[in-house]
Amino acid sequence: MGNMARNKSETCIFCLIANDQDKETEIIKKNKELVCFRDIDPAAPHHYLVVPIQHIHSCLSLHSGHIGLVKRMAEMGKTVLHDQGVTDMKDIRLGFHQPPFTSVDHLHLHVLAPSSQISECMQYKFIPRTNRFVTEECLQKRLKDNAPPVISEESLNPNEPHGKDALCFPCWNTTAMAAL
């Protein structure tokens, strides 16, 4: 491992958790690639984070070769929800924050249930198809299409936390962008 990667794994809290170096965080599920634990500031009765053990900065660092990783992260999240007694899999939300709306610069999937009970004061952080939050399905589609995210001017306005379709991964048209 290079010095830069070693330094990041020594200072990134999610790297410390993933490598069993944070004794305060209870690991709910772990395999050789991923780890799942509770969010320290839960927005719903069930709010977990699934992170890769390997340090990856954010969803914007991913490419088409990471589609399987995103799928496995979602599968682990759904398995943890099931193991924790969540039965209504239609009332869940899985997704990623993207910079500059990340609190930790290590890729992490938010797993929330029931999504109908996301705290009112935190709902704005988890609205699909906004500049803040991209669902795992939308991210997989973007990676498959090799399309970059689209950030509208509204999404950059701090007074417009949601923006109208501020960021739309699945609707991104690479042909239209090439014409610009």
Foldseek 3Di string as FASTA:
>chain_A
DDPVQVVCLVPFPVLCVLVVNDPVWDWPDDDQFKTKTADPDAQAPGKMKIFTNRFDQELQRDALVCLVVLVVSVVVLVVSCVVVPDDPPVQKFWWGFDPPQDPTRGYIIIIHPRNVRGHPVCVLQGDDLFNTIHGSVLSSQCRVVVHHWAADPLCVDPVRSGPDSRTGSNVDDVVVVVVD
